[in-house]
Structures are given as structure tokens and as C-alpha cells.
Amino acid sequence: MEIHQLRSFVYVATELSFRRAAEKLNMTQPPLTRQIQQLEHSLGTALFKRSTRKVELTEAGKVLLNEAGKIIALTEGIASRVQLSARGCSGELVIGIFSWGVIHRLPDYLKMLREQKPDVNVRLLNMSKEKQVEALRNKEIDIGFCRFAADQGGLSVGAIGDEKYLVAINANDPLSRQTRIGLADLADKPMILYPASSLSGMAQRVYDAFIAENVSLNIANYCEDIMTSLLLVSGGYGSCITTQWAENINMPEVVYRQLTAKRLSRSPLNYIFRSDDDSILLNDFIQIIKNKADGAG
């Protein structure tokens, strides 16, 4: 049983006339008759009662007519979805995110993607840079957003911008009266580092910067993200080195001051993906990211 046979059957069953059905199918009657005979042979039963005066459906023909429309619609739907997927216009894009710095950029990317490809489903997963790398290798995500990413085997990295470093400090701390704060100003003061789970991320870079300037670092607490870090700063438990996006977070008793440090000038924001991923959907999404980066100048 083939789809073109089913389509021909539906026309004949609807018209109850081989001649009229053939006209609507833009074909002659003999090949249409052969298609119906082949269909009946494959099903092992007659679908029509034929006489010189009229054509009627058998009981089996009535059952097939009821099901044929569903089968044809399902087949056409599958074909349409496959074609959309082949053009990158449908399917699912799974995105790993970790850095809060991308939060104010991602909505623009997603809005443009939805406008261009409304049939694409997007899934966001919160995971560290290390987890993103693992998930990319396991093909569990399509693209990740993080900081301090570097090219490595099978993975490629793109840049979406960078941010300056700031110090989040309690408003009652005497240092809050300064407009700029150096690492020496933070010597032995309680510091909150994040993320605790990333040995190559922000926490490690802050640690390395203190070592490079021979400044004593007093780690009071490790946190997994900026929000919990700022909550501790708000409560007076220490200060936190973060990036400029944090200024968007209105946390009571927290002020931000520019950081001056040799090794902490700008914090890069990156996207990371599999080098051999030839997905049209992914490539189009990356182009959206690049276009926004170019537009930002």
C-alpha cells in the first residue's frame, strides 16, 4: 500500500466515479484503475462495488476511507516537519548557561531566533562551564554560554563581548567611600568567591590575581553564583569581586566600585559548541549571536 494509491483511492471514493476522479488527478482513467486494483490486491479485498451505472464503496472501502485521510495527513505532516528540520526551521535547540553576564544578552538572541524560526523549541539548562563541556561532548546540549572558555579538542569558542570587573562591597564598609578599589585595599578583608564548582572560572582568576600582586587573600566563603554572593555582601559577611552586569541587581546595602588590578581588567563572555556540528539551526543561531555582537560595535 503506497501513499499515491491511497490518494487515488480517496478521490475515487469521494467522487464515486473513476472518470471524475481521473480528471481531478490530471490523469487518464486506465492508470487510475490499475492503481486501485493494485491497492485492492495488496489489501486482499475489494474496495468498490462496480457496475455499469454506479460505483459504491464496500464495507472495507468505507473503513479505508475513514483511515486514509488520517494516514495521508500524518505522512504529509511528517514530510513537512522533516523538510523544516532540514532547513533548520524546526526542532529543538538545547542551550547551557552559567554566567549571569549573558542573562541580559540571551533574551535578544532568543527573540530573534523565535522571530526567524517560530517552530523551534528552546530548552535552557543551568550548568557550569565544566558541565557544559561534558554535555557538549555527550551531545546533550547544542551550545553553551560561559566565561573564560578556550578552544579544546573538538570544541570551538566564540566571543560575545566582555565586561569590566567591579567590587561588590557593603555600603557600611569604609572602602565604599572610594571610587576605585585595588587588591591591596582588600588585603586580609573577608572575601566571597564564586563559583565554587569551577576551578578555571571567576574564583580561580581572583585567587591568581591576588597571588600575582602578592596580596594576602582572606577567603571567608565560597558560593555557587553571584546572587548568593551578593546576599552575603548585603549581610556584611565580606566583599565580592564580580563583573559590571551585577550592577543590575538591586541588593540592599550593596554598592559597586571599580576594581583596579593587573590581572583583572576585562572578563570575557563566550559561547562554545562542537566544531563538527553542521546543524543548520545551530549555525543560524550562531549567526544571530555574531550579528548582535557586530551591531553592538
C-alpha atoms as a PDB file:
ATOM      1  CA  MET A   1       0.000   0.000   0.000  1.00  0.00           C
ATOM      2  CA  GLU A   2       1.549   3.256  -1.153  1.00  0.00           C
ATOM      3  CA  ILE A   3       0.602   6.865  -0.445  1.00  0.00           C
ATOM      4  CA  HIS A   4      -0.123   7.708  -4.078  1.00  0.00           C
ATOM      5  CA  GLN A   5      -2.514   4.734  -4.192  1.00  0.00           C
ATOM      6  CA  LEU A   6      -4.277   5.993  -1.078  1.00  0.00           C
ATOM      7  CA  ARG A   7      -4.637   9.473  -2.568  1.00  0.00           C
ATOM      8  CA  SER A   8      -6.139   7.991  -5.732  1.00  0.00           C
ATOM      9  CA  PHE A   9      -8.475   5.851  -3.650  1.00  0.00           C
ATOM     10  CA  VAL A  10      -9.715   8.893  -1.698  1.00  0.00           C
ATOM     11  CA  TYR A  11     -10.503  10.750  -4.931  1.00  0.00           C
ATOM     12  CA  VAL A  12     -12.455   7.798  -6.345  1.00  0.00           C
ATOM     13  CA  ALA A  13     -14.210   7.184  -3.021  1.00  0.00           C
ATOM     14  CA  THR A  14     -15.182  10.845  -2.770  1.00  0.00           C
ATOM     15  CA  GLU A  15     -16.345  11.218  -6.376  1.00  0.00           C
ATOM     16  CA  LEU A  16     -17.706   7.658  -6.692  1.00  0.00           C
ATOM     17  CA  SER A  17     -16.622   7.965 -10.288  1.00  0.00           C
ATOM     18  CA  PHE A  18     -13.360   6.809 -11.852  1.00  0.00           C
ATOM     19  CA  ARG A  19     -13.772   9.299 -14.684  1.00  0.00           C
ATOM     20  CA  ARG A  20     -14.261  12.358 -12.462  1.00  0.00           C
ATOM     21  CA  ALA A  21     -11.505  11.223 -10.096  1.00  0.00           C
ATOM     22  CA  ALA A  22      -9.099  10.806 -13.021  1.00  0.00           C
ATOM     23  CA  GLU A  23      -9.925  14.323 -14.231  1.00  0.00           C
ATOM     24  CA  LYS A  24      -9.208  15.815 -10.811  1.00  0.00           C
ATOM     25  CA  LEU A  25      -5.952  13.872 -10.598  1.00  0.00           C
ATOM     26  CA  ASN A  26      -4.974  15.063 -14.098  1.00  0.00           C
ATOM     27  CA  MET A  27      -4.511  11.514 -15.327  1.00  0.00           C
ATOM     28  CA  THR A  28      -6.300   9.106 -17.636  1.00  0.00           C
ATOM     29  CA  GLN A  29      -8.699   6.518 -16.298  1.00  0.00           C
ATOM     30  CA  PRO A  30      -6.753   3.279 -17.092  1.00  0.00           C
ATOM     31  CA  PRO A  31      -3.717   4.015 -14.860  1.00  0.00           C
ATOM     32  CA  LEU A  32      -6.087   5.145 -12.087  1.00  0.00           C
ATOM     33  CA  THR A  33      -7.982   1.876 -12.380  1.00  0.00           C
ATOM     34  CA  ARG A  34      -4.696  -0.053 -12.184  1.00  0.00           C
ATOM     35  CA  GLN A  35      -3.696   1.823  -9.006  1.00  0.00           C
ATOM     36  CA  ILE A  36      -6.985   0.898  -7.328  1.00  0.00           C
ATOM     37  CA  GLN A  37      -6.641  -2.726  -8.445  1.00  0.00           C
ATOM     38  CA  GLN A  38      -3.096  -2.860  -7.044  1.00  0.00           C
ATOM     39  CA  LEU A  39      -4.333  -1.389  -3.761  1.00  0.00           C
ATOM     40  CA  GLU A  40      -7.145  -3.943  -3.553  1.00  0.00           C
ATOM     41  CA  HIS A  41      -4.676  -6.722  -4.318  1.00  0.00           C
ATOM     42  CA  SER A  42      -2.282  -5.588  -1.573  1.00  0.00           C
ATOM     43  CA  LEU A  43      -5.155  -5.442   0.943  1.00  0.00           C
ATOM     44  CA  GLY A  44      -6.711  -8.683  -0.248  1.00  0.00           C
ATOM     45  CA  THR A  45     -10.208  -7.273  -0.552  1.00  0.00           C
ATOM     46  CA  ALA A  46     -12.413  -5.282  -2.890  1.00  0.00           C
ATOM     47  CA  LEU A  47     -12.850  -1.626  -2.027  1.00  0.00           C
ATOM     48  CA  PHE A  48     -15.544  -0.752  -4.575  1.00  0.00           C
ATOM     49  CA  LYS A  49     -18.677  -2.330  -5.964  1.00  0.00           C
ATOM     50  CA  ARG A  50     -18.595  -1.545  -9.669  1.00  0.00           C
ATOM     51  CA  SER A  51     -21.474  -1.657 -12.114  1.00  0.00           C
ATOM     52  CA  THR A  52     -22.193  -0.025 -15.457  1.00  0.00           C
ATOM     53  CA  ARG A  53     -24.320   2.574 -13.715  1.00  0.00           C
ATOM     54  CA  LYS A  54     -22.506   3.424 -10.478  1.00  0.00           C
ATOM     55  CA  VAL A  55     -19.557   2.904  -8.172  1.00  0.00           C
ATOM     56  CA  GLU A  56     -20.100   2.191  -4.476  1.00  0.00           C
ATOM     57  CA  LEU A  57     -17.797   1.609  -1.546  1.00  0.00           C
ATOM     58  CA  THR A  58     -17.690  -1.822   0.043  1.00  0.00           C
ATOM     59  CA  GLU A  59     -17.646  -2.073   3.834  1.00  0.00           C
ATOM     60  CA  ALA A  60     -13.871  -2.481   3.622  1.00  0.00           C
ATOM     61  CA  GLY A  61     -13.735   0.587   1.388  1.00  0.00           C
ATOM     62  CA  LYS A  62     -15.659   2.623   3.958  1.00  0.00           C
ATOM     63  CA  VAL A  63     -13.203   1.601   6.672  1.00  0.00           C
ATOM     64  CA  LEU A  64     -10.235   2.510   4.485  1.00  0.00           C
ATOM     65  CA  LEU A  65     -11.750   5.882   3.547  1.00  0.00           C
ATOM     66  CA  ASN A  66     -12.129   6.707   7.224  1.00  0.00           C
ATOM     67  CA  GLU A  67      -8.467   5.882   7.873  1.00  0.00           C
ATOM     68  CA  ALA A  68      -6.882   7.012   4.602  1.00  0.00           C
ATOM     69  CA  GLY A  69      -7.282  10.718   5.316  1.00  0.00           C
ATOM     70  CA  LYS A  70      -5.516  10.310   8.659  1.00  0.00           C
ATOM     71  CA  ILE A  71      -2.667   8.350   7.067  1.00  0.00           C
ATOM     72  CA  ILE A  72      -2.192  10.900   4.287  1.00  0.00           C
ATOM     73  CA  ALA A  73      -2.301  13.829   6.736  1.00  0.00           C
ATOM     74  CA  LEU A  74       0.196  12.089   9.023  1.00  0.00           C
ATOM     75  CA  THR A  75       2.535  11.347   6.130  1.00  0.00           C
ATOM     76  CA  GLU A  76       2.338  14.887   4.794  1.00  0.00           C
ATOM     77  CA  GLY A  77       2.905  16.233   8.317  1.00  0.00           C
ATOM     78  CA  ILE A  78       5.994  14.080   8.749  1.00  0.00           C
ATOM     79  CA  ALA A  79       7.339  15.175   5.380  1.00  0.00           C
ATOM     80  CA  SER A  80       6.717  18.817   6.243  1.00  0.00           C
ATOM     81  CA  ARG A  81       8.450  18.519   9.614  1.00  0.00           C
ATOM     82  CA  VAL A  82      11.415  16.726   8.063  1.00  0.00           C
ATOM     83  CA  GLN A  83      11.750  19.438   5.426  1.00  0.00           C
ATOM     84  CA  LEU A  84      11.508  22.187   8.050  1.00  0.00           C
ATOM     85  CA  SER A  85      14.135  20.440  10.147  1.00  0.00           C
ATOM     86  CA  ALA A  86      16.422  20.073   7.138  1.00  0.00           C
ATOM     87  CA  ARG A  87      16.196  23.853   6.657  1.00  0.00           C
ATOM     88  CA  GLY A  88      16.822  24.479  10.353  1.00  0.00           C
ATOM     89  CA  CYS A  89      13.281  25.805  10.807  1.00  0.00           C
ATOM     90  CA  SER A  90      12.092  23.297  13.392  1.00  0.00           C
ATOM     91  CA  GLY A  91      13.449  21.002  16.065  1.00  0.00           C
ATOM     92  CA  GLU A  92      14.961  21.817  19.435  1.00  0.00           C
ATOM     93  CA  LEU A  93      17.933  23.927  20.475  1.00  0.00           C
ATOM     94  CA  VAL A  94      19.365  22.998  23.873  1.00  0.00           C
ATOM     95  CA  ILE A  95      21.418  25.772  25.477  1.00  0.00           C
ATOM     96  CA  GLY A  96      23.656  25.544  28.515  1.00  0.00           C
ATOM     97  CA  ILE A  97      24.028  28.755  30.534  1.00  0.00           C
ATOM     98  CA  PHE A  98      26.051  29.614  33.602  1.00  0.00           C
ATOM     99  CA  SER A  99      27.408  33.134  33.543  1.00  0.00           C
ATOM    100  CA  TRP A 100      24.990  35.783  34.774  1.00  0.00           C
ATOM    101  CA  GLY A 101      26.652  38.127  32.333  1.00  0.00           C
ATOM    102  CA  VAL A 102      24.855  36.508  29.420  1.00  0.00           C
ATOM    103  CA  ILE A 103      21.422  36.891  31.011  1.00  0.00           C
ATOM    104  CA  HIS A 104      20.900  40.399  29.616  1.00  0.00           C
ATOM    105  CA  ARG A 105      22.080  39.289  26.154  1.00  0.00           C
ATOM    106  CA  LEU A 106      20.294  35.967  25.791  1.00  0.00           C
ATOM    107  CA  PRO A 107      16.744  37.406  25.579  1.00  0.00           C
ATOM    108  CA  ASP A 108      17.702  39.307  22.406  1.00  0.00           C
ATOM    109  CA  TYR A 109      19.186  36.166  20.870  1.00  0.00           C
ATOM    110  CA  LEU A 110      16.102  34.130  21.725  1.00  0.00           C
ATOM    111  CA  LYS A 111      13.721  36.813  20.486  1.00  0.00           C
ATOM    112  CA  MET A 112      15.449  36.952  17.109  1.00  0.00           C
ATOM    113  CA  LEU A 113      15.515  33.160  16.899  1.00  0.00           C
ATOM    114  CA  ARG A 114      11.791  32.967  17.621  1.00  0.00           C
ATOM    115  CA  GLU A 115      11.050  35.621  15.006  1.00  0.00           C
ATOM    116  CA  GLN A 116      13.090  33.783  12.375  1.00  0.00           C
ATOM    117  CA  LYS A 117      12.139  30.231  13.365  1.00  0.00           C
ATOM    118  CA  PRO A 118       8.842  30.169  15.299  1.00  0.00           C
ATOM    119  CA  ASP A 119       8.620  26.363  15.156  1.00  0.00           C
ATOM    120  CA  VAL A 120      11.888  25.835  17.023  1.00  0.00           C
ATOM    121  CA  ASN A 121      11.683  24.815  20.673  1.00  0.00           C
ATOM    122  CA  VAL A 122      14.373  26.149  23.026  1.00  0.00           C
ATOM    123  CA  ARG A 123      15.484  24.431  26.224  1.00  0.00           C
ATOM    124  CA  LEU A 124      17.759  26.194  28.740  1.00  0.00           C
ATOM    125  CA  LEU A 125      19.913  24.244  31.186  1.00  0.00           C
ATOM    126  CA  ASN A 126      21.840  25.866  34.020  1.00  0.00           C
ATOM    127  CA  MET A 127      25.291  24.269  34.260  1.00  0.00           C
ATOM    128  CA  SER A 128      28.894  25.213  34.972  1.00  0.00           C
ATOM    129  CA  LYS A 129      31.461  25.621  32.218  1.00  0.00           C
ATOM    130  CA  GLU A 130      32.911  22.204  33.012  1.00  0.00           C
ATOM    131  CA  LYS A 131      29.461  20.626  32.824  1.00  0.00           C
ATOM    132  CA  GLN A 132      28.809  22.410  29.535  1.00  0.00           C
ATOM    133  CA  VAL A 133      31.975  20.948  28.025  1.00  0.00           C
ATOM    134  CA  GLU A 134      30.949  17.482  29.178  1.00  0.00           C
ATOM    135  CA  ALA A 135      27.382  17.948  27.912  1.00  0.00           C
ATOM    136  CA  LEU A 136      28.639  19.140  24.520  1.00  0.00           C
ATOM    137  CA  ARG A 137      30.869  16.099  24.170  1.00  0.00           C
ATOM    138  CA  ASN A 138      27.941  13.857  25.108  1.00  0.00           C
ATOM    139  CA  LYS A 139      25.675  15.756  22.672  1.00  0.00           C
ATOM    140  CA  GLU A 140      23.307  16.687  25.496  1.00  0.00           C
ATOM    141  CA  ILE A 141      23.387  20.402  24.618  1.00  0.00           C
ATOM    142  CA  ASP A 142      23.970  22.218  21.328  1.00  0.00           C
ATOM    143  CA  ILE A 143      25.678  25.361  22.576  1.00  0.00           C
ATOM    144  CA  GLY A 144      26.824  26.791  25.888  1.00  0.00           C
ATOM    145  CA  PHE A 145      27.413  30.272  27.297  1.00  0.00           C
ATOM    146  CA  CYS A 146      30.128  30.813  29.878  1.00  0.00           C
ATOM    147  CA  ARG A 147      33.223  32.840  30.763  1.00  0.00           C
ATOM    148  CA  PHE A 148      36.895  32.157  30.127  1.00  0.00           C
ATOM    149  CA  ALA A 149      36.251  29.437  27.548  1.00  0.00           C
ATOM    150  CA  ALA A 150      39.176  28.218  25.449  1.00  0.00           C
ATOM    151  CA  ASP A 151      39.382  26.130  22.289  1.00  0.00           C
ATOM    152  CA  GLN A 152      39.903  22.475  23.083  1.00  0.00           C
ATOM    153  CA  GLY A 153      39.679  19.185  21.270  1.00  0.00           C
ATOM    154  CA  GLY A 154      36.506  19.030  19.209  1.00  0.00           C
ATOM    155  CA  LEU A 155      35.062  22.251  20.612  1.00  0.00           C
ATOM    156  CA  SER A 156      35.124  25.785  19.247  1.00  0.00           C
ATOM    157  CA  VAL A 157      34.709  29.061  21.101  1.00  0.00           C
ATOM    158  CA  GLY A 158      33.272  32.392  20.024  1.00  0.00           C
ATOM    159  CA  ALA A 159      33.267  35.756  21.787  1.00  0.00           C
ATOM    160  CA  ILE A 160      30.162  37.791  22.532  1.00  0.00           C
ATOM    161  CA  GLY A 161      31.812  40.595  24.473  1.00  0.00           C
ATOM    162  CA  ASP A 162      33.463  41.347  27.766  1.00  0.00           C
ATOM    163  CA  GLU A 163      32.806  43.256  30.976  1.00  0.00           C
ATOM    164  CA  LYS A 164      34.860  45.239  33.437  1.00  0.00           C
ATOM    165  CA  TYR A 165      35.458  43.923  36.936  1.00  0.00           C
ATOM    166  CA  LEU A 166      33.847  45.532  39.964  1.00  0.00           C
ATOM    167  CA  VAL A 167      33.992  45.060  43.701  1.00  0.00           C
ATOM    168  CA  ALA A 168      30.658  44.495  45.421  1.00  0.00           C
ATOM    169  CA  ILE A 169      31.037  45.883  48.913  1.00  0.00           C
ATOM    170  CA  ASN A 170      28.757  46.532  51.847  1.00  0.00           C
ATOM    171  CA  ALA A 171      27.597  50.151  51.961  1.00  0.00           C
ATOM    172  CA  ASN A 172      28.747  50.457  55.587  1.00  0.00           C
ATOM    173  CA  ASP A 173      32.301  49.373  54.797  1.00  0.00           C
ATOM    174  CA  PRO A 174      34.741  52.334  54.892  1.00  0.00           C
ATOM    175  CA  LEU A 175      36.026  51.239  51.463  1.00  0.00           C
ATOM    176  CA  SER A 176      32.641  52.156  49.987  1.00  0.00           C
ATOM    177  CA  ARG A 177      33.729  55.807  50.137  1.00  0.00           C
ATOM    178  CA  GLN A 178      36.376  55.111  47.484  1.00  0.00           C
ATOM    179  CA  THR A 179      35.521  55.259  43.778  1.00  0.00           C
ATOM    180  CA  ARG A 180      38.259  52.776  42.865  1.00  0.00           C
ATOM    181  CA  ILE A 181      39.476  49.818  44.846  1.00  0.00           C
ATOM    182  CA  GLY A 182      42.741  47.954  44.320  1.00  0.00           C
ATOM    183  CA  LEU A 183      43.596  44.475  45.509  1.00  0.00           C
ATOM    184  CA  ALA A 184      45.869  45.950  48.169  1.00  0.00           C
ATOM    185  CA  ASP A 185      42.796  47.666  49.651  1.00  0.00           C
ATOM    186  CA  LEU A 186      41.238  44.225  50.047  1.00  0.00           C
ATOM    187  CA  ALA A 187      44.235  42.638  51.781  1.00  0.00           C
ATOM    188  CA  ASP A 188      43.088  40.420  54.647  1.00  0.00           C
ATOM    189  CA  LYS A 189      39.497  41.636  54.300  1.00  0.00           C
ATOM    190  CA  PRO A 190      36.895  38.819  54.171  1.00  0.00           C
ATOM    191  CA  MET A 191      36.231  37.918  50.528  1.00  0.00           C
ATOM    192  CA  ILE A 192      33.453  35.865  48.988  1.00  0.00           C
ATOM    193  CA  LEU A 193      34.469  33.910  45.893  1.00  0.00           C
ATOM    194  CA  TYR A 194      32.286  32.287  43.249  1.00  0.00           C
ATOM    195  CA  PRO A 195      31.701  29.917  41.614  1.00  0.00           C
ATOM    196  CA  ALA A 196      32.983  27.264  43.979  1.00  0.00           C
ATOM    197  CA  SER A 197      32.480  24.479  41.413  1.00  0.00           C
ATOM    198  CA  SER A 198      34.681  25.991  38.678  1.00  0.00           C
ATOM    199  CA  LEU A 199      38.444  25.706  39.109  1.00  0.00           C
ATOM    200  CA  SER A 200      39.065  27.704  35.942  1.00  0.00           C
ATOM    201  CA  GLY A 201      36.441  30.392  36.368  1.00  0.00           C
ATOM    202  CA  MET A 202      35.999  33.606  38.298  1.00  0.00           C
ATOM    203  CA  ALA A 203      37.129  32.257  41.681  1.00  0.00           C
ATOM    204  CA  GLN A 204      40.398  30.927  40.300  1.00  0.00           C
ATOM    205  CA  ARG A 205      41.143  34.157  38.448  1.00  0.00           C
ATOM    206  CA  VAL A 206      40.554  36.227  41.549  1.00  0.00           C
ATOM    207  CA  TYR A 207      42.829  33.912  43.510  1.00  0.00           C
ATOM    208  CA  ASP A 208      45.563  34.140  40.843  1.00  0.00           C
ATOM    209  CA  ALA A 209      45.279  37.950  40.728  1.00  0.00           C
ATOM    210  CA  PHE A 210      45.903  38.248  44.473  1.00  0.00           C
ATOM    211  CA  ILE A 211      48.918  35.933  44.183  1.00  0.00           C
ATOM    212  CA  ALA A 212      50.310  37.925  41.248  1.00  0.00           C
ATOM    213  CA  GLU A 213      50.211  41.159  43.261  1.00  0.00           C
ATOM    214  CA  ASN A 214      51.493  39.446  46.398  1.00  0.00           C
ATOM    215  CA  VAL A 215      48.382  40.449  48.323  1.00  0.00           C
ATOM    216  CA  SER A 216      47.012  38.290  51.117  1.00  0.00           C
ATOM    217  CA  LEU A 217      43.577  36.860  50.246  1.00  0.00           C
ATOM    218  CA  ASN A 218      41.201  36.104  53.111  1.00  0.00           C
ATOM    219  CA  ILE A 219      38.531  33.765  51.729  1.00  0.00           C
ATOM    220  CA  ALA A 220      35.510  33.988  54.008  1.00  0.00           C
ATOM    221  CA  ASN A 221      33.135  31.960  51.855  1.00  0.00           C
ATOM    222  CA  TYR A 222      32.640  30.206  48.513  1.00  0.00           C
ATOM    223  CA  CYS A 223      29.318  30.494  46.692  1.00  0.00           C
ATOM    224  CA  GLU A 224      27.943  28.912  43.545  1.00  0.00           C
ATOM    225  CA  ASP A 225      26.590  32.084  41.935  1.00  0.00           C
ATOM    226  CA  ILE A 226      26.516  35.851  42.092  1.00  0.00           C
ATOM    227  CA  MET A 227      23.122  36.090  43.803  1.00  0.00           C
ATOM    228  CA  THR A 228      24.129  34.135  46.900  1.00  0.00           C
ATOM    229  CA  SER A 229      27.441  36.003  46.961  1.00  0.00           C
ATOM    230  CA  LEU A 230      25.673  39.367  46.974  1.00  0.00           C
ATOM    231  CA  LEU A 231      23.319  38.216  49.709  1.00  0.00           C
ATOM    232  CA  LEU A 232      26.352  37.624  51.919  1.00  0.00           C
ATOM    233  CA  VAL A 233      27.808  41.012  50.954  1.00  0.00           C
ATOM    234  CA  SER A 234      24.467  42.594  51.842  1.00  0.00           C
ATOM    235  CA  GLY A 235      24.618  40.935  55.238  1.00  0.00           C
ATOM    236  CA  GLY A 236      28.117  42.289  55.878  1.00  0.00           C
ATOM    237  CA  TYR A 237      29.940  38.965  55.625  1.00  0.00           C
ATOM    238  CA  GLY A 238      32.526  40.192  53.143  1.00  0.00           C
ATOM    239  CA  SER A 239      33.171  41.721  49.731  1.00  0.00           C
ATOM    240  CA  CYS A 240      32.974  40.077  46.331  1.00  0.00           C
ATOM    241  CA  ILE A 241      34.761  40.654  43.027  1.00  0.00           C
ATOM    242  CA  THR A 242      32.250  40.435  40.210  1.00  0.00           C
ATOM    243  CA  THR A 243      31.563  41.993  36.803  1.00  0.00           C
ATOM    244  CA  GLN A 244      29.619  45.024  35.676  1.00  0.00           C
ATOM    245  CA  TRP A 245      26.397  43.159  34.942  1.00  0.00           C
ATOM    246  CA  ALA A 246      25.943  42.738  38.698  1.00  0.00           C
ATOM    247  CA  GLU A 247      25.071  46.447  38.877  1.00  0.00           C
ATOM    248  CA  ASN A 248      21.664  45.423  37.503  1.00  0.00           C
ATOM    249  CA  ILE A 249      20.990  43.551  40.729  1.00  0.00           C
ATOM    250  CA  ASN A 250      19.468  45.894  43.283  1.00  0.00           C
ATOM    251  CA  MET A 251      20.639  44.327  46.530  1.00  0.00           C
ATOM    252  CA  PRO A 252      20.127  46.238  49.811  1.00  0.00           C
ATOM    253  CA  GLU A 253      23.292  47.637  51.402  1.00  0.00           C
ATOM    254  CA  VAL A 254      25.446  46.649  48.405  1.00  0.00           C
ATOM    255  CA  VAL A 255      27.420  49.180  46.360  1.00  0.00           C
ATOM    256  CA  TYR A 256      29.762  48.613  43.434  1.00  0.00           C
ATOM    257  CA  ARG A 257      33.173  50.152  42.927  1.00  0.00           C
ATOM    258  CA  GLN A 258      35.585  49.878  40.014  1.00  0.00           C
ATOM    259  CA  LEU A 259      38.397  47.391  40.550  1.00  0.00           C
ATOM    260  CA  THR A 260      41.966  48.173  39.559  1.00  0.00           C
ATOM    261  CA  ALA A 261      44.039  45.005  39.238  1.00  0.00           C
ATOM    262  CA  LYS A 262      46.723  43.939  36.783  1.00  0.00           C
ATOM    263  CA  ARG A 263      45.150  40.588  36.025  1.00  0.00           C
ATOM    264  CA  LEU A 264      41.520  41.601  36.296  1.00  0.00           C
ATOM    265  CA  SER A 265      40.789  44.145  33.604  1.00  0.00           C
ATOM    266  CA  ARG A 266      38.028  42.676  31.424  1.00  0.00           C
ATOM    267  CA  SER A 267      36.040  39.466  31.827  1.00  0.00           C
ATOM    268  CA  PRO A 268      35.243  37.713  28.519  1.00  0.00           C
ATOM    269  CA  LEU A 269      31.857  36.222  27.682  1.00  0.00           C
ATOM    270  CA  ASN A 270      31.915  33.264  25.325  1.00  0.00           C
ATOM    271  CA  TYR A 271      29.792  30.716  23.554  1.00  0.00           C
ATOM    272  CA  ILE A 272      31.081  27.200  22.984  1.00  0.00           C
ATOM    273  CA  PHE A 273      29.909  24.482  20.594  1.00  0.00           C
ATOM    274  CA  ARG A 274      31.014  21.282  18.857  1.00  0.00           C
ATOM    275  CA  SER A 275      33.355  22.035  15.968  1.00  0.00           C
ATOM    276  CA  ASP A 276      31.866  19.294  13.785  1.00  0.00           C
ATOM    277  CA  ASP A 277      28.222  20.207  14.404  1.00  0.00           C
ATOM    278  CA  ASP A 278      26.809  21.012  10.966  1.00  0.00           C
ATOM    279  CA  SER A 279      23.285  21.704  12.214  1.00  0.00           C
ATOM    280  CA  ILE A 280      21.688  24.481  10.183  1.00  0.00           C
ATOM    281  CA  LEU A 281      19.670  25.520  13.235  1.00  0.00           C
ATOM    282  CA  LEU A 282      22.809  25.888  15.361  1.00  0.00           C
ATOM    283  CA  ASN A 283      24.676  27.732  12.615  1.00  0.00           C
ATOM    284  CA  ASP A 284      21.782  30.154  12.183  1.00  0.00           C
ATOM    285  CA  PHE A 285      21.675  30.776  15.939  1.00  0.00           C
ATOM    286  CA  ILE A 286      25.414  31.447  15.999  1.00  0.00           C
ATOM    287  CA  GLN A 287      24.922  33.908  13.149  1.00  0.00           C
ATOM    288  CA  ILE A 288      22.329  35.725  15.273  1.00  0.00           C
ATOM    289  CA  ILE A 289      24.907  35.981  18.070  1.00  0.00           C
ATOM    290  CA  LYS A 290      27.553  37.297  15.677  1.00  0.00           C
ATOM    291  CA  ASN A 291      25.188  39.830  14.155  1.00  0.00           C
ATOM    292  CA  LYS A 292      24.258  41.170  17.591  1.00  0.00           C
ATOM    293  CA  ALA A 293      27.931  41.379  18.562  1.00  0.00           C
ATOM    294  CA  ASP A 294      28.723  43.300  15.363  1.00  0.00           C
ATOM    295  CA  GLY A 295      25.764  45.592  15.957  1.00  0.00           C
ATOM    296  CA  ALA A 296      26.974  46.322  19.465  1.00  0.00           C
ATOM    297  CA  GLY A 297      30.150  47.571  17.869  1.00  0.00           C
END
